[in-house]
């Protein structure tokens, strides 16, 4: 990742990610949503962790998972079921639609309380 792209990612994380926000873990190899979570801390732009993912991870933040990860929803089933994904404009992939590509990570997707409840209900 270029320095410019990393600086932009840091600015987005500092601007948009806050304690109390909600998010979803998505497993690329399985093409499935795994767990909803609540953000427990802001992203730390000065820290790199090496004990979570196969590669080093920058800007870690703490989360509180709302499920144990045993339930999964495929991206295709989620597109059929979840009102959030029916409402959002499709951008060619689930990653682009929900802003978790390299350039859009930390850009929020607006979600209503009922949309969130639907997701949490399906994954917990």
Protein backbone atom coordinates (compact mmCIF):
# COMPACT_ATOMS: atom_id res chain seq x y z
CA UNK A 1 0.00 0.00 0.00
CA UNK A 2 1.33 3.42 -0.89
CA UNK A 3 2.06 6.02 1.78
CA UNK A 4 -0.74 8.19 0.40
CA UNK A 5 -3.27 5.35 0.62
CA UNK A 6 -2.15 4.48 4.16
CA UNK A 7 -2.45 8.11 5.27
CA UNK A 8 -5.98 8.23 3.82
CA UNK A 9 -6.89 5.00 5.63
CA UNK A 10 -5.56 6.39 8.92
CA UNK A 11 -7.57 9.59 8.48
CA UNK A 12 -10.75 7.58 7.77
CA UNK A 13 -10.17 5.40 10.82
CA UNK A 14 -9.63 8.40 13.08
CA UNK A 15 -12.61 10.25 11.62
CA UNK A 16 -15.18 7.47 11.37
CA UNK A 17 -14.39 4.60 13.78
CA UNK A 18 -15.54 5.18 17.35
CA UNK A 19 -16.34 3.18 20.45
CA UNK A 20 -19.93 1.99 20.25
CA UNK A 21 -20.01 1.67 16.47
CA UNK A 22 -21.07 -1.69 15.04
CA UNK A 23 -19.52 -3.87 12.37
CA UNK A 24 -19.47 -7.28 10.74
CA UNK A 25 -16.67 -9.80 10.36
CA UNK A 26 -16.58 -11.22 6.86
CA UNK A 27 -14.58 -14.30 5.84
CA UNK A 28 -13.27 -13.89 2.28
CA UNK A 29 -12.33 -17.56 1.74
CA UNK A 30 -15.83 -18.69 2.78
CA UNK A 31 -17.62 -15.71 1.17
CA UNK A 32 -19.62 -15.47 4.38
CA UNK A 33 -20.46 -13.12 7.20
CA UNK A 34 -19.25 -14.58 10.47
CA UNK A 35 -19.97 -12.28 13.41
CA UNK A 36 -21.49 -8.91 14.22
CA UNK A 37 -19.54 -6.85 16.74
CA UNK A 38 -19.48 -3.62 18.72
CA UNK A 39 -16.36 -1.46 18.52
CA UNK A 40 -14.71 -1.15 21.94
CA UNK A 41 -11.89 1.27 21.04
CA UNK A 42 -10.73 3.55 18.27
CA UNK A 43 -8.08 2.36 15.82
CA UNK A 44 -4.49 2.83 16.95
CA UNK A 45 -2.55 4.27 13.98
CA UNK A 46 0.81 3.67 15.68
CA UNK A 47 0.42 -0.02 16.47
CA UNK A 48 0.95 -3.14 14.35
CA UNK A 49 -0.20 -6.57 15.55
CA UNK A 50 1.20 -9.82 14.27
CA UNK A 51 -0.71 -12.42 16.32
CA UNK A 52 -4.21 -12.16 14.82
CA UNK A 53 -3.98 -12.61 11.03
CA UNK A 54 -1.34 -14.33 8.87
CA UNK A 55 0.01 -10.93 7.87
CA UNK A 56 0.76 -7.91 10.10
CA UNK A 57 -2.31 -5.80 10.80
CA UNK A 58 -2.08 -2.04 11.22
CA UNK A 59 -4.45 0.21 13.14
CA UNK A 60 -5.89 -2.46 15.42
CA UNK A 61 -8.98 -1.78 17.46
CA UNK A 62 -10.84 -3.77 20.11
CA UNK A 63 -14.23 -5.34 19.45
CA UNK A 64 -16.89 -7.15 21.45
CA UNK A 65 -18.30 -9.95 19.28
CA UNK A 66 -22.07 -10.42 19.47
CA UNK A 67 -21.87 -14.08 18.48
CA UNK A 68 -19.47 -16.98 18.82
CA UNK A 69 -18.90 -17.25 15.06
CA UNK A 70 -20.52 -20.68 14.78
CA UNK A 71 -23.29 -19.35 12.51
CA UNK A 72 -22.38 -18.05 9.09
CA UNK A 73 -24.41 -16.41 6.36
CA UNK A 74 -23.12 -16.62 2.81
CA UNK A 75 -22.94 -13.36 0.90
CA UNK A 76 -25.53 -14.71 -1.56
CA UNK A 77 -28.01 -15.63 1.17
CA UNK A 78 -27.38 -12.30 2.90
CA UNK A 79 -28.17 -10.48 -0.36
CA UNK A 80 -31.47 -12.38 -0.56
CA UNK A 81 -32.43 -11.95 3.12
CA UNK A 82 -31.05 -8.77 4.59
CA UNK A 83 -32.98 -5.58 4.01
CA UNK A 84 -29.71 -3.63 4.27
CA UNK A 85 -28.30 -5.36 1.19
CA UNK A 86 -31.59 -4.97 -0.66
CA UNK A 87 -31.54 -1.23 0.08
CA UNK A 88 -27.92 -0.48 -0.83
CA UNK A 89 -26.83 0.02 -4.42
CA UNK A 90 -24.83 -3.02 -5.57
CA UNK A 91 -21.26 -1.99 -6.42
CA UNK A 92 -20.16 -5.24 -8.07
CA UNK A 93 -19.07 -7.08 -4.91
CA UNK A 94 -20.07 -7.43 -1.30
CA UNK A 95 -16.78 -5.80 -0.26
CA UNK A 96 -17.39 -2.71 -2.34
CA UNK A 97 -21.07 -2.49 -1.41
CA UNK A 98 -20.32 -2.52 2.33
CA UNK A 99 -17.10 -0.48 2.17
CA UNK A 100 -14.57 -3.05 3.30
CA UNK A 101 -12.20 -2.87 0.38
CA UNK A 102 -8.67 -1.56 0.93
CA UNK A 103 -9.58 1.97 -0.11
CA UNK A 104 -13.01 2.18 1.56
CA UNK A 105 -12.36 0.37 4.83
CA UNK A 106 -13.45 2.58 7.75
CA UNK A 107 -15.95 4.47 5.56
CA UNK A 108 -19.26 3.90 7.34
CA UNK A 109 -22.34 2.32 5.83
CA UNK A 110 -25.54 3.71 7.31
CA UNK A 111 -27.65 0.98 8.90
CA UNK A 112 -30.98 1.24 10.66
CA UNK A 113 -31.79 -0.36 13.99
CA UNK A 114 -34.11 -2.86 12.34
CA UNK A 115 -31.47 -3.78 9.73
CA UNK A 116 -28.90 -4.34 12.48
CA UNK A 117 -31.35 -6.43 14.53
CA UNK A 118 -31.98 -8.62 11.48
CA UNK A 119 -28.24 -9.24 10.98
CA UNK A 120 -27.56 -9.91 14.66
CA UNK A 121 -30.55 -12.27 14.79
CA UNK A 122 -29.27 -14.29 11.85
CA UNK A 123 -25.70 -14.57 13.18
CA UNK A 124 -26.25 -15.13 16.90
